[in-house]
Amino acid sequence: GLGARRLPSARAAFDALTGGDVALTAAPGDEARLARAALDDGYTTLAVLGGDGTWSNVARALLAAGGGDRCALALLGAGTGSDYAKSVGAPAHDFAATAALVARGATAVVDAARVGDEPFINVAGFGFDAAVVEYMAGVRWLRGNALYLHAALRQLFHYRGFAAELRAADDGAPAPRREALAFVAANGRHFGGSFLIAPDAAVDDGRLDFVE
């Protein structure tokens, strides 16, 4: 319900500077459907009110539709961690500042990556972090960074790791299989609400930082 509570403030900020139309999600998958429809209608900026999951779903829809270079994504914070906004330096929780950036046409080109055919914009994680997210889905009595920290601490005592085999990019030869707790391919620096998972990562350097 956080997005619904913050929507009036977001609308007021944009109405004061740029205007625009509002479309609301009602069910899973609506982010992608609405993003594709906006792209088809010729919109060149989507201001997305939500968190990392919502931003990611919209970005993935734009990339899949070939709109990554013709439609800007403005981040409006109403989520749990807002990790991607931290990584790109976006004032996601200052709606007036975000509206002002849109009004000026201020944009930045950033990287995206893929796991198989699935694009991602911040991080792709395997193992521990996936177990944390899975556990978080069933917790209703905590929110925000406290939820991430609780889930992470709990999984430290319950998650047993997984078998990992990495292959070199040059010849594809596998390294010896070993047990790992987590493996993260990081485009951005921030992850899990309050964790600086890849301090040297940059969203515009054409590289991923791998953290094990």
N, C-alpha and C. Protein backbone atom coordinates (compact mmCIF):
# COMPACT_ATOMS: atom_id res chain seq x y z
N GLY A 1 0.78 -1.22 0.00
CA GLY A 1 0.00 0.00 0.00
C GLY A 1 0.82 1.27 0.00
N LEU A 2 2.16 1.15 0.10
CA LEU A 2 3.01 2.34 0.16
C LEU A 2 2.91 3.15 -1.13
N GLY A 3 2.86 2.47 -2.26
CA GLY A 3 2.76 3.17 -3.53
C GLY A 3 1.48 4.00 -3.62
N ALA A 4 0.38 3.42 -3.16
CA ALA A 4 -0.90 4.14 -3.19
C ALA A 4 -0.86 5.36 -2.29
N ARG A 5 -0.19 5.25 -1.14
CA ARG A 5 -0.12 6.38 -0.22
C ARG A 5 0.76 7.50 -0.76
N ARG A 6 1.79 7.14 -1.54
CA ARG A 6 2.70 8.16 -2.06
C ARG A 6 2.28 8.69 -3.42
N LEU A 7 1.29 8.07 -4.04
CA LEU A 7 0.89 8.50 -5.38
C LEU A 7 0.45 9.95 -5.44
N PRO A 8 -0.37 10.46 -4.49
CA PRO A 8 -0.77 11.87 -4.57
C PRO A 8 0.42 12.83 -4.58
N SER A 9 1.45 12.54 -3.77
CA SER A 9 2.63 13.41 -3.74
C SER A 9 3.39 13.34 -5.06
N ALA A 10 3.48 12.15 -5.62
CA ALA A 10 4.17 12.00 -6.90
C ALA A 10 3.42 12.74 -8.00
N ARG A 11 2.11 12.61 -8.02
CA ARG A 11 1.31 13.29 -9.04
C ARG A 11 1.42 14.80 -8.90
N ALA A 12 1.41 15.29 -7.67
CA ALA A 12 1.50 16.73 -7.45
C ALA A 12 2.84 17.27 -7.95
N ALA A 13 3.91 16.53 -7.71
CA ALA A 13 5.24 16.98 -8.15
C ALA A 13 5.32 17.07 -9.67
N PHE A 14 4.76 16.10 -10.34
CA PHE A 14 4.83 16.09 -11.80
C PHE A 14 3.83 17.06 -12.42
N ASP A 15 2.65 17.19 -11.82
CA ASP A 15 1.67 18.14 -12.34
C ASP A 15 2.20 19.56 -12.29
N ALA A 16 3.04 19.85 -11.26
CA ALA A 16 3.56 21.21 -11.10
C ALA A 16 4.59 21.55 -12.17
N LEU A 17 5.22 20.52 -12.77
CA LEU A 17 6.31 20.79 -13.70
C LEU A 17 6.08 20.25 -15.11
N THR A 18 5.61 19.02 -15.21
CA THR A 18 5.59 18.37 -16.52
C THR A 18 4.24 17.82 -16.93
N GLY A 19 3.39 17.52 -15.95
CA GLY A 19 2.13 16.85 -16.28
C GLY A 19 2.37 15.40 -16.65
N GLY A 20 1.46 14.84 -17.44
CA GLY A 20 1.60 13.44 -17.84
C GLY A 20 0.38 12.64 -17.47
N ASP A 21 0.34 11.42 -17.90
CA ASP A 21 -0.77 10.51 -17.63
C ASP A 21 -0.38 9.52 -16.55
N VAL A 22 -1.37 8.96 -15.86
CA VAL A 22 -1.14 8.00 -14.78
C VAL A 22 -1.81 6.68 -15.13
N ALA A 23 -1.07 5.60 -14.98
CA ALA A 23 -1.61 4.25 -15.15
C ALA A 23 -1.27 3.45 -13.90
N LEU A 24 -2.23 2.72 -13.39
CA LEU A 24 -2.05 1.98 -12.14
C LEU A 24 -2.01 0.48 -12.39
N THR A 25 -1.15 -0.20 -11.64
CA THR A 25 -1.11 -1.65 -11.70
C THR A 25 -2.17 -2.22 -10.76
N ALA A 26 -2.69 -3.38 -11.11
CA ALA A 26 -3.69 -4.04 -10.27
C ALA A 26 -3.37 -5.50 -10.04
N ALA A 27 -2.44 -6.06 -10.83
CA ALA A 27 -2.13 -7.48 -10.72
C ALA A 27 -0.71 -7.71 -11.19
N PRO A 28 -0.09 -8.83 -10.78
CA PRO A 28 1.26 -9.14 -11.26
C PRO A 28 1.31 -9.16 -12.79
N GLY A 29 2.37 -8.60 -13.33
CA GLY A 29 2.52 -8.54 -14.77
C GLY A 29 2.03 -7.25 -15.39
N ASP A 30 1.30 -6.45 -14.60
CA ASP A 30 0.78 -5.19 -15.14
C ASP A 30 1.89 -4.20 -15.49
N GLU A 31 2.99 -4.23 -14.73
CA GLU A 31 4.08 -3.29 -15.03
C GLU A 31 4.56 -3.47 -16.47
N ALA A 32 4.80 -4.72 -16.86
CA ALA A 32 5.29 -4.98 -18.21
C ALA A 32 4.24 -4.61 -19.26
N ARG A 33 3.00 -4.94 -19.00
CA ARG A 33 1.94 -4.64 -19.96
C ARG A 33 1.79 -3.13 -20.15
N LEU A 34 1.78 -2.39 -19.06
CA LEU A 34 1.62 -0.94 -19.15
C LEU A 34 2.84 -0.28 -19.79
N ALA A 35 4.03 -0.81 -19.50
CA ALA A 35 5.24 -0.25 -20.10
C ALA A 35 5.23 -0.45 -21.61
N ARG A 36 4.85 -1.63 -22.05
CA ARG A 36 4.79 -1.89 -23.49
C ARG A 36 3.75 -1.01 -24.17
N ALA A 37 2.60 -0.83 -23.50
CA ALA A 37 1.56 0.01 -24.08
C ALA A 37 2.02 1.46 -24.19
N ALA A 38 2.73 1.95 -23.17
CA ALA A 38 3.23 3.33 -23.20
C ALA A 38 4.25 3.50 -24.31
N LEU A 39 5.10 2.50 -24.49
CA LEU A 39 6.10 2.55 -25.55
C LEU A 39 5.41 2.59 -26.92
N ASP A 40 4.40 1.76 -27.08
CA ASP A 40 3.65 1.73 -28.34
C ASP A 40 2.95 3.06 -28.62
N ASP A 41 2.55 3.75 -27.54
CA ASP A 41 1.86 5.03 -27.69
C ASP A 41 2.82 6.20 -27.88
N GLY A 42 4.11 5.93 -27.87
CA GLY A 42 5.08 6.97 -28.16
C GLY A 42 5.60 7.74 -26.96
N TYR A 43 5.33 7.30 -25.75
CA TYR A 43 5.87 7.99 -24.57
C TYR A 43 7.39 7.84 -24.54
N THR A 44 8.07 8.90 -24.13
CA THR A 44 9.52 8.90 -24.10
C THR A 44 10.09 8.91 -22.68
N THR A 45 9.25 9.01 -21.68
CA THR A 45 9.67 8.91 -20.28
C THR A 45 8.60 8.18 -19.49
N LEU A 46 9.03 7.20 -18.70
CA LEU A 46 8.13 6.53 -17.76
C LEU A 46 8.64 6.81 -16.35
N ALA A 47 7.84 7.50 -15.55
CA ALA A 47 8.16 7.72 -14.14
C ALA A 47 7.48 6.62 -13.36
N VAL A 48 8.25 5.75 -12.75
CA VAL A 48 7.72 4.52 -12.16
C VAL A 48 7.78 4.60 -10.65
N LEU A 49 6.62 4.55 -10.02
CA LEU A 49 6.50 4.61 -8.56
C LEU A 49 6.50 3.19 -8.00
N GLY A 50 7.54 2.85 -7.26
CA GLY A 50 7.64 1.51 -6.70
C GLY A 50 9.01 1.30 -6.10
N GLY A 51 9.47 0.07 -6.17
CA GLY A 51 10.80 -0.25 -5.65
C GLY A 51 11.59 -1.03 -6.68
N ASP A 52 12.61 -1.74 -6.23
CA ASP A 52 13.50 -2.43 -7.15
C ASP A 52 12.77 -3.44 -8.04
N GLY A 53 11.81 -4.15 -7.49
CA GLY A 53 11.08 -5.12 -8.29
C GLY A 53 10.26 -4.47 -9.39
N THR A 54 9.56 -3.41 -9.04
CA THR A 54 8.74 -2.69 -10.03
C THR A 54 9.62 -2.05 -11.09
N TRP A 55 10.68 -1.37 -10.66
CA TRP A 55 11.60 -0.73 -11.62
C TRP A 55 12.20 -1.78 -12.55
N SER A 56 12.58 -2.91 -12.00
CA SER A 56 13.19 -3.96 -12.80
C SER A 56 12.21 -4.51 -13.82
N ASN A 57 10.96 -4.74 -13.41
CA ASN A 57 9.96 -5.27 -14.33
C ASN A 57 9.71 -4.33 -15.49
N VAL A 58 9.66 -3.02 -15.20
CA VAL A 58 9.45 -2.05 -16.27
C VAL A 58 10.67 -2.00 -17.19
N ALA A 59 11.86 -1.96 -16.59
CA ALA A 59 13.08 -1.91 -17.41
C ALA A 59 13.19 -3.14 -18.30
N ARG A 60 12.87 -4.31 -17.77
CA ARG A 60 12.94 -5.53 -18.55
C ARG A 60 11.96 -5.48 -19.71
N ALA A 61 10.77 -4.94 -19.48
CA ALA A 61 9.78 -4.83 -20.56
C ALA A 61 10.27 -3.88 -21.65
N LEU A 62 10.89 -2.77 -21.24
CA LEU A 62 11.42 -1.82 -22.22
C LEU A 62 12.55 -2.46 -23.04
N LEU A 63 13.44 -3.18 -22.37
CA LEU A 63 14.54 -3.83 -23.07
C LEU A 63 14.03 -4.89 -24.03
N ALA A 64 13.07 -5.68 -23.58
CA ALA A 64 12.53 -6.75 -24.43
C ALA A 64 11.84 -6.19 -25.66
N ALA A 65 11.25 -5.00 -25.52
CA ALA A 65 10.53 -4.37 -26.63
C ALA A 65 11.43 -3.50 -27.48
N GLY A 66 12.72 -3.47 -27.17
CA GLY A 66 13.65 -2.66 -27.94
C GLY A 66 13.55 -1.18 -27.65
N GLY A 67 13.00 -0.83 -26.48
CA GLY A 67 12.81 0.58 -26.16
C GLY A 67 13.81 1.15 -25.19
N GLY A 68 14.88 0.39 -24.92
CA GLY A 68 15.86 0.86 -23.96
C GLY A 68 16.57 2.14 -24.34
N ASP A 69 16.63 2.44 -25.64
CA ASP A 69 17.33 3.65 -26.09
C ASP A 69 16.38 4.74 -26.56
N ARG A 70 15.09 4.57 -26.38
CA ARG A 70 14.14 5.61 -26.81
C ARG A 70 13.10 5.95 -25.75
N CYS A 71 13.25 5.38 -24.56
CA CYS A 71 12.33 5.72 -23.47
C CYS A 71 13.11 5.75 -22.17
N ALA A 72 13.09 6.91 -21.49
CA ALA A 72 13.81 7.07 -20.23
C ALA A 72 12.98 6.53 -19.07
N LEU A 73 13.68 6.06 -18.04
CA LEU A 73 13.04 5.52 -16.85
C LEU A 73 13.38 6.43 -15.67
N ALA A 74 12.36 7.08 -15.09
CA ALA A 74 12.54 7.92 -13.91
C ALA A 74 12.08 7.13 -12.69
N LEU A 75 12.89 7.12 -11.64
CA LEU A 75 12.64 6.28 -10.47
C LEU A 75 11.98 7.08 -9.36
N LEU A 76 10.80 6.63 -8.93
CA LEU A 76 10.08 7.22 -7.80
C LEU A 76 9.97 6.16 -6.71
N GLY A 77 10.52 6.46 -5.54
CA GLY A 77 10.68 5.44 -4.51
C GLY A 77 9.42 5.17 -3.69
N ALA A 78 9.01 3.90 -3.68
CA ALA A 78 7.94 3.44 -2.81
C ALA A 78 8.12 1.94 -2.59
N GLY A 79 9.37 1.55 -2.33
CA GLY A 79 9.67 0.13 -2.18
C GLY A 79 10.41 -0.16 -0.90
N THR A 80 11.00 -1.35 -0.83
CA THR A 80 11.65 -1.81 0.39
C THR A 80 13.08 -1.30 0.49
N GLY A 81 13.89 -1.53 -0.55
CA GLY A 81 15.30 -1.19 -0.44
C GLY A 81 15.77 -0.05 -1.31
N SER A 82 15.15 0.12 -2.48
CA SER A 82 15.55 1.16 -3.45
C SER A 82 17.04 1.08 -3.78
N ASP A 83 17.54 -0.14 -3.94
CA ASP A 83 18.97 -0.34 -4.20
C ASP A 83 19.41 0.28 -5.51
N TYR A 84 18.60 0.11 -6.56
CA TYR A 84 19.03 0.60 -7.87
C TYR A 84 19.15 2.12 -7.87
N ALA A 85 18.25 2.80 -7.19
CA ALA A 85 18.33 4.26 -7.11
C ALA A 85 19.62 4.69 -6.44
N LYS A 86 20.07 3.96 -5.42
CA LYS A 86 21.34 4.28 -4.77
C LYS A 86 22.50 4.09 -5.74
N SER A 87 22.43 3.02 -6.53
CA SER A 87 23.53 2.73 -7.44
C SER A 87 23.65 3.76 -8.55
N VAL A 88 22.53 4.30 -9.01
CA VAL A 88 22.59 5.29 -10.10
C VAL A 88 22.59 6.72 -9.58
N GLY A 89 22.43 6.90 -8.26
CA GLY A 89 22.42 8.24 -7.69
C GLY A 89 21.15 9.01 -7.98
N ALA A 90 20.03 8.31 -8.10
CA ALA A 90 18.77 8.98 -8.41
C ALA A 90 18.07 9.42 -7.12
N PRO A 91 17.50 10.64 -7.10
CA PRO A 91 16.78 11.12 -5.91
C PRO A 91 15.37 10.55 -5.84
N ALA A 92 15.28 9.24 -5.74
CA ALA A 92 14.00 8.56 -5.93
C ALA A 92 12.94 8.95 -4.91
N HIS A 93 13.36 9.33 -3.71
CA HIS A 93 12.39 9.67 -2.66
C HIS A 93 12.10 11.17 -2.61
N ASP A 94 12.71 11.93 -3.48
CA ASP A 94 12.43 13.35 -3.61
C ASP A 94 11.69 13.53 -4.94
N PHE A 95 10.37 13.49 -4.87
CA PHE A 95 9.57 13.50 -6.09
C PHE A 95 9.72 14.81 -6.86
N ALA A 96 9.85 15.92 -6.15
CA ALA A 96 10.01 17.20 -6.82
C ALA A 96 11.33 17.25 -7.59
N ALA A 97 12.40 16.73 -6.98
CA ALA A 97 13.70 16.72 -7.65
C ALA A 97 13.65 15.81 -8.87
N THR A 98 12.98 14.67 -8.76
CA THR A 98 12.87 13.76 -9.89
C THR A 98 12.07 14.39 -11.03
N ALA A 99 10.97 15.07 -10.68
CA ALA A 99 10.17 15.75 -11.70
C ALA A 99 10.97 16.84 -12.39
N ALA A 100 11.82 17.53 -11.63
CA ALA A 100 12.65 18.59 -12.21
C ALA A 100 13.65 18.01 -13.20
N LEU A 101 14.23 16.86 -12.88
CA LEU A 101 15.15 16.20 -13.80
C LEU A 101 14.44 15.82 -15.10
N VAL A 102 13.22 15.29 -14.97
CA VAL A 102 12.45 14.92 -16.16
C VAL A 102 12.12 16.15 -16.99
N ALA A 103 11.73 17.22 -16.31
CA ALA A 103 11.38 18.45 -17.02
C ALA A 103 12.56 19.01 -17.80
N ARG A 104 13.78 18.85 -17.25
CA ARG A 104 14.98 19.34 -17.93
C ARG A 104 15.47 18.38 -19.01
N GLY A 105 14.89 17.19 -19.05
CA GLY A 105 15.37 16.19 -20.00
C GLY A 105 16.70 15.60 -19.61
N ALA A 106 17.02 15.61 -18.31
CA ALA A 106 18.29 15.09 -17.83
C ALA A 106 18.24 13.56 -17.80
N THR A 107 19.10 12.94 -18.60
CA THR A 107 19.13 11.48 -18.66
C THR A 107 20.57 11.00 -18.58
N ALA A 108 20.73 9.72 -18.27
CA ALA A 108 22.04 9.07 -18.25
C ALA A 108 21.89 7.70 -18.89
N VAL A 109 22.89 7.31 -19.66
CA VAL A 109 22.90 5.99 -20.28
C VAL A 109 23.57 5.01 -19.32
N VAL A 110 22.89 3.92 -19.02
CA VAL A 110 23.41 2.93 -18.08
C VAL A 110 23.38 1.54 -18.73
N ASP A 111 24.09 0.62 -18.11
CA ASP A 111 24.21 -0.73 -18.64
C ASP A 111 23.05 -1.61 -18.19
N ALA A 112 22.80 -2.64 -18.96
CA ALA A 112 21.94 -3.75 -18.56
C ALA A 112 22.68 -5.03 -18.91
N ALA A 113 22.29 -6.12 -18.28
CA ALA A 113 22.95 -7.40 -18.54
C ALA A 113 21.88 -8.49 -18.64
N ARG A 114 22.31 -9.69 -18.94
CA ARG A 114 21.36 -10.79 -19.09
C ARG A 114 21.88 -12.05 -18.40
N VAL A 115 20.95 -12.81 -17.87
CA VAL A 115 21.19 -14.20 -17.47
C VAL A 115 20.36 -15.05 -18.42
N GLY A 116 21.02 -15.70 -19.36
CA GLY A 116 20.27 -16.36 -20.42
C GLY A 116 19.55 -15.31 -21.24
N ASP A 117 18.24 -15.44 -21.33
CA ASP A 117 17.43 -14.46 -22.06
C ASP A 117 16.79 -13.43 -21.14
N GLU A 118 17.09 -13.48 -19.84
CA GLU A 118 16.44 -12.60 -18.88
C GLU A 118 17.33 -11.40 -18.56
N PRO A 119 16.92 -10.19 -18.92
CA PRO A 119 17.74 -9.01 -18.61
C PRO A 119 17.62 -8.61 -17.14
N PHE A 120 18.64 -7.93 -16.62
CA PHE A 120 18.58 -7.34 -15.29
C PHE A 120 19.37 -6.04 -15.31
N ILE A 121 19.03 -5.15 -14.38
CA ILE A 121 19.67 -3.84 -14.36
C ILE A 121 20.54 -3.61 -13.12
N ASN A 122 20.32 -4.34 -12.04
CA ASN A 122 21.10 -4.10 -10.83
C ASN A 122 22.00 -5.28 -10.50
N VAL A 123 21.46 -6.35 -9.99
CA VAL A 123 22.27 -7.54 -9.68
C VAL A 123 21.50 -8.79 -10.07
N ALA A 124 22.25 -9.86 -10.32
CA ALA A 124 21.68 -11.19 -10.47
C ALA A 124 22.39 -12.08 -9.46
N GLY A 125 21.63 -12.65 -8.56
CA GLY A 125 22.23 -13.42 -7.48
C GLY A 125 21.81 -14.87 -7.50
N PHE A 126 22.70 -15.71 -7.02
CA PHE A 126 22.46 -17.14 -6.93
C PHE A 126 22.79 -17.60 -5.51
N GLY A 127 21.98 -18.47 -4.96
CA GLY A 127 22.27 -19.04 -3.67
C GLY A 127 21.66 -18.28 -2.52
N PHE A 128 22.52 -17.77 -1.63
CA PHE A 128 22.07 -17.18 -0.38
C PHE A 128 21.05 -16.07 -0.59
N ASP A 129 21.31 -15.14 -1.50
CA ASP A 129 20.40 -14.01 -1.66
C ASP A 129 19.05 -14.46 -2.19
N ALA A 130 19.03 -15.49 -3.05
CA ALA A 130 17.76 -16.01 -3.52
C ALA A 130 16.97 -16.64 -2.37
N ALA A 131 17.68 -17.32 -1.47
CA ALA A 131 17.02 -17.90 -0.30
C ALA A 131 16.46 -16.81 0.60
N VAL A 132 17.18 -15.69 0.72
CA VAL A 132 16.70 -14.56 1.54
C VAL A 132 15.41 -13.99 0.94
N VAL A 133 15.41 -13.76 -0.37
CA VAL A 133 14.23 -13.20 -1.02
C VAL A 133 13.04 -14.15 -0.90
N GLU A 134 13.30 -15.45 -1.05
CA GLU A 134 12.22 -16.44 -0.93
C GLU A 134 11.61 -16.40 0.48
N TYR A 135 12.46 -16.31 1.49
CA TYR A 135 11.96 -16.24 2.86
C TYR A 135 11.19 -14.94 3.11
N MET A 136 11.70 -13.83 2.56
CA MET A 136 11.05 -12.54 2.76
C MET A 136 9.60 -12.53 2.25
N ALA A 137 9.34 -13.30 1.21
CA ALA A 137 8.01 -13.30 0.61
C ALA A 137 6.94 -13.76 1.60
N GLY A 138 7.33 -14.51 2.62
CA GLY A 138 6.36 -15.00 3.59
C GLY A 138 6.29 -14.20 4.88
N VAL A 139 7.09 -13.13 4.99
CA VAL A 139 7.12 -12.32 6.22
C VAL A 139 6.21 -11.10 6.04
N ARG A 140 5.27 -10.94 6.96
CA ARG A 140 4.32 -9.82 6.87
C ARG A 140 4.46 -8.82 8.02
N TRP A 141 5.31 -9.12 9.01
CA TRP A 141 5.36 -8.29 10.21
C TRP A 141 6.56 -7.34 10.25
N LEU A 142 7.35 -7.31 9.16
CA LEU A 142 8.46 -6.37 9.06
C LEU A 142 8.45 -5.73 7.68
N ARG A 143 9.06 -4.54 7.60
CA ARG A 143 9.16 -3.85 6.32
C ARG A 143 10.52 -3.18 6.20
N GLY A 144 10.83 -2.72 5.01
CA GLY A 144 12.03 -1.93 4.79
C GLY A 144 13.31 -2.69 5.06
N ASN A 145 14.35 -1.95 5.43
CA ASN A 145 15.66 -2.56 5.66
C ASN A 145 15.62 -3.58 6.79
N ALA A 146 14.73 -3.39 7.77
CA ALA A 146 14.63 -4.34 8.88
C ALA A 146 14.24 -5.72 8.37
N LEU A 147 13.39 -5.77 7.35
CA LEU A 147 12.98 -7.05 6.78
C LEU A 147 14.17 -7.74 6.12
N TYR A 148 14.96 -6.99 5.33
CA TYR A 148 16.14 -7.57 4.70
C TYR A 148 17.11 -8.11 5.75
N LEU A 149 17.37 -7.32 6.78
CA LEU A 149 18.35 -7.73 7.79
C LEU A 149 17.87 -8.96 8.55
N HIS A 150 16.59 -8.98 8.91
CA HIS A 150 16.05 -10.15 9.60
C HIS A 150 16.18 -11.40 8.74
N ALA A 151 15.78 -11.30 7.47
CA ALA A 151 15.83 -12.46 6.59
C ALA A 151 17.26 -12.93 6.36
N ALA A 152 18.19 -11.97 6.20
CA ALA A 152 19.58 -12.33 5.97
C ALA A 152 20.18 -13.02 7.19
N LEU A 153 19.93 -12.49 8.37
CA LEU A 153 20.47 -13.11 9.58
C LEU A 153 19.89 -14.50 9.80
N ARG A 154 18.62 -14.66 9.52
CA ARG A 154 18.00 -15.98 9.68
C ARG A 154 18.62 -16.99 8.72
N GLN A 155 18.81 -16.60 7.47
CA GLN A 155 19.35 -17.53 6.50
C GLN A 155 20.82 -17.86 6.76
N LEU A 156 21.54 -16.97 7.46
CA LEU A 156 22.92 -17.29 7.83
C LEU A 156 22.99 -18.58 8.64
N PHE A 157 21.94 -18.86 9.40
CA PHE A 157 21.92 -20.05 10.24
C PHE A 157 21.19 -21.23 9.61
N HIS A 158 20.47 -20.98 8.50
CA HIS A 158 19.66 -22.05 7.92
C HIS A 158 20.08 -22.45 6.51
N TYR A 159 20.67 -21.52 5.77
CA TYR A 159 21.00 -21.83 4.37
C TYR A 159 22.31 -22.61 4.32
N ARG A 160 22.33 -23.70 3.54
CA ARG A 160 23.47 -24.61 3.52
C ARG A 160 24.37 -24.47 2.30
N GLY A 161 24.06 -23.59 1.40
CA GLY A 161 24.93 -23.39 0.25
C GLY A 161 24.54 -24.25 -0.94
N PHE A 162 25.33 -24.16 -2.00
CA PHE A 162 25.04 -24.90 -3.22
C PHE A 162 26.34 -25.24 -3.93
N ALA A 163 26.28 -26.19 -4.84
CA ALA A 163 27.45 -26.58 -5.61
C ALA A 163 27.59 -25.64 -6.80
N ALA A 164 28.78 -25.10 -6.99
CA ALA A 164 29.02 -24.13 -8.07
C ALA A 164 30.13 -24.62 -8.98
N GLU A 165 29.96 -24.35 -10.26
CA GLU A 165 30.99 -24.66 -11.25
C GLU A 165 31.09 -23.47 -12.20
N LEU A 166 32.23 -22.80 -12.21
CA LEU A 166 32.44 -21.62 -13.05
C LEU A 166 33.26 -22.01 -14.27
N ARG A 167 32.89 -21.42 -15.41
CA ARG A 167 33.60 -21.70 -16.65
C ARG A 167 34.28 -20.42 -17.15
N ALA A 168 35.51 -20.54 -17.57
CA ALA A 168 36.25 -19.39 -18.08
C ALA A 168 35.65 -18.95 -19.41
N ALA A 169 35.62 -17.64 -19.63
CA ALA A 169 35.01 -17.10 -20.84
C ALA A 169 35.81 -17.45 -22.09
N ASP A 170 37.13 -17.63 -21.94
CA ASP A 170 37.95 -17.82 -23.13
C ASP A 170 37.82 -19.22 -23.73
N ASP A 171 37.90 -20.26 -22.90
CA ASP A 171 37.85 -21.61 -23.45
C ASP A 171 36.67 -22.42 -22.92
N GLY A 172 35.92 -21.86 -21.95
CA GLY A 172 34.76 -22.57 -21.43
C GLY A 172 35.10 -23.76 -20.56
N ALA A 173 36.38 -23.94 -20.22
CA ALA A 173 36.77 -25.07 -19.40
C ALA A 173 36.28 -24.87 -17.96
N PRO A 174 35.61 -25.86 -17.38
CA PRO A 174 35.09 -25.69 -16.03
C PRO A 174 36.19 -25.76 -14.97
N ALA A 175 36.03 -24.96 -13.95
CA ALA A 175 36.88 -25.06 -12.78
C ALA A 175 36.34 -26.19 -11.90
N PRO A 176 37.12 -26.67 -10.95
CA PRO A 176 36.61 -27.73 -10.08
C PRO A 176 35.34 -27.29 -9.36
N ARG A 177 34.38 -28.19 -9.26
CA ARG A 177 33.13 -27.90 -8.55
C ARG A 177 33.42 -27.66 -7.08
N ARG A 178 32.76 -26.67 -6.50
CA ARG A 178 32.98 -26.37 -5.10
C ARG A 178 31.67 -25.89 -4.47
N GLU A 179 31.64 -25.88 -3.17
CA GLU A 179 30.47 -25.40 -2.45
C GLU A 179 30.57 -23.88 -2.28
N ALA A 180 29.48 -23.20 -2.52
CA ALA A 180 29.44 -21.74 -2.39
C ALA A 180 28.22 -21.34 -1.59
N LEU A 181 28.33 -20.21 -0.92
CA LEU A 181 27.20 -19.67 -0.18
C LEU A 181 26.39 -18.74 -1.08
N ALA A 182 27.08 -17.93 -1.88
CA ALA A 182 26.39 -16.98 -2.75
C ALA A 182 27.29 -16.62 -3.92
N PHE A 183 26.67 -16.26 -5.02
CA PHE A 183 27.39 -15.76 -6.18
C PHE A 183 26.55 -14.64 -6.78
N VAL A 184 27.13 -13.45 -6.88
CA VAL A 184 26.38 -12.28 -7.33
C VAL A 184 27.10 -11.65 -8.52
N ALA A 185 26.37 -11.45 -9.61
CA ALA A 185 26.85 -10.67 -10.74
C ALA A 185 26.26 -9.28 -10.58
N ALA A 186 27.11 -8.30 -10.29
CA ALA A 186 26.65 -6.97 -9.89
C ALA A 186 26.90 -5.94 -10.98
N ASN A 187 25.83 -5.31 -11.43
CA ASN A 187 25.95 -4.13 -12.27
C ASN A 187 26.00 -2.89 -11.38
N GLY A 188 25.14 -2.87 -10.34
CA GLY A 188 25.14 -1.80 -9.36
C GLY A 188 25.87 -2.19 -8.09
N ARG A 189 26.06 -1.22 -7.23
CA ARG A 189 26.83 -1.45 -6.00
C ARG A 189 25.99 -1.96 -4.85
N HIS A 190 24.72 -1.55 -4.80
CA HIS A 190 23.90 -1.80 -3.62
C HIS A 190 22.95 -2.97 -3.84
N PHE A 191 22.63 -3.63 -2.72
CA PHE A 191 21.88 -4.88 -2.81
C PHE A 191 21.31 -5.20 -1.43
N GLY A 192 20.07 -5.68 -1.39
CA GLY A 192 19.51 -6.12 -0.12
C GLY A 192 19.18 -5.01 0.84
N GLY A 193 18.95 -3.80 0.35
CA GLY A 193 18.51 -2.71 1.21
C GLY A 193 19.62 -1.93 1.86
N SER A 194 20.60 -2.61 2.46
CA SER A 194 21.64 -1.88 3.17
C SER A 194 23.03 -2.47 2.95
N PHE A 195 23.16 -3.38 2.00
CA PHE A 195 24.44 -4.04 1.76
C PHE A 195 25.14 -3.44 0.55
N LEU A 196 26.39 -3.04 0.74
CA LEU A 196 27.22 -2.55 -0.35
C LEU A 196 27.94 -3.77 -0.92
N ILE A 197 27.24 -4.50 -1.77
CA ILE A 197 27.72 -5.82 -2.20
C ILE A 197 28.92 -5.72 -3.12
N ALA A 198 28.99 -4.67 -3.94
CA ALA A 198 30.08 -4.53 -4.91
C ALA A 198 30.55 -3.08 -4.92
N PRO A 199 31.40 -2.71 -3.99
CA PRO A 199 31.78 -1.29 -3.82
C PRO A 199 32.38 -0.64 -5.06
N ASP A 200 33.03 -1.42 -5.92
CA ASP A 200 33.70 -0.85 -7.09
C ASP A 200 32.84 -0.91 -8.36
N ALA A 201 31.63 -1.43 -8.25
CA ALA A 201 30.79 -1.55 -9.43
C ALA A 201 30.28 -0.18 -9.88
N ALA A 202 30.05 -0.05 -11.18
CA ALA A 202 29.47 1.16 -11.75
C ALA A 202 28.48 0.76 -12.83
N VAL A 203 27.35 1.44 -12.87
CA VAL A 203 26.29 1.04 -13.80
C VAL A 203 26.56 1.50 -15.23
N ASP A 204 27.67 2.21 -15.46
CA ASP A 204 27.94 2.73 -16.80
C ASP A 204 29.35 2.41 -17.30
N ASP A 205 29.98 1.36 -16.74
CA ASP A 205 31.35 1.05 -17.15
C ASP A 205 31.44 -0.14 -18.11
N GLY A 206 30.31 -0.69 -18.51
CA GLY A 206 30.32 -1.80 -19.44
C GLY A 206 30.81 -3.11 -18.86
N ARG A 207 30.85 -3.21 -17.53
CA ARG A 207 31.37 -4.41 -16.87
C ARG A 207 30.44 -4.85 -15.75
N LEU A 208 30.54 -6.14 -15.40
CA LEU A 208 29.90 -6.67 -14.21
C LEU A 208 30.98 -7.00 -13.18
N ASP A 209 30.67 -6.77 -11.91
CA ASP A 209 31.55 -7.19 -10.83
C ASP A 209 31.00 -8.49 -10.26
N PHE A 210 31.86 -9.52 -10.17
CA PHE A 210 31.41 -10.80 -9.66
C PHE A 210 31.87 -10.97 -8.22
N VAL A 211 30.92 -11.28 -7.37
CA VAL A 211 31.19 -11.39 -5.93
C VAL A 211 30.78 -12.77 -5.47
N GLU A 212 31.71 -13.46 -4.80
CA GLU A 212 31.41 -14.81 -4.32
C GLU A 212 31.60 -14.88 -2.82
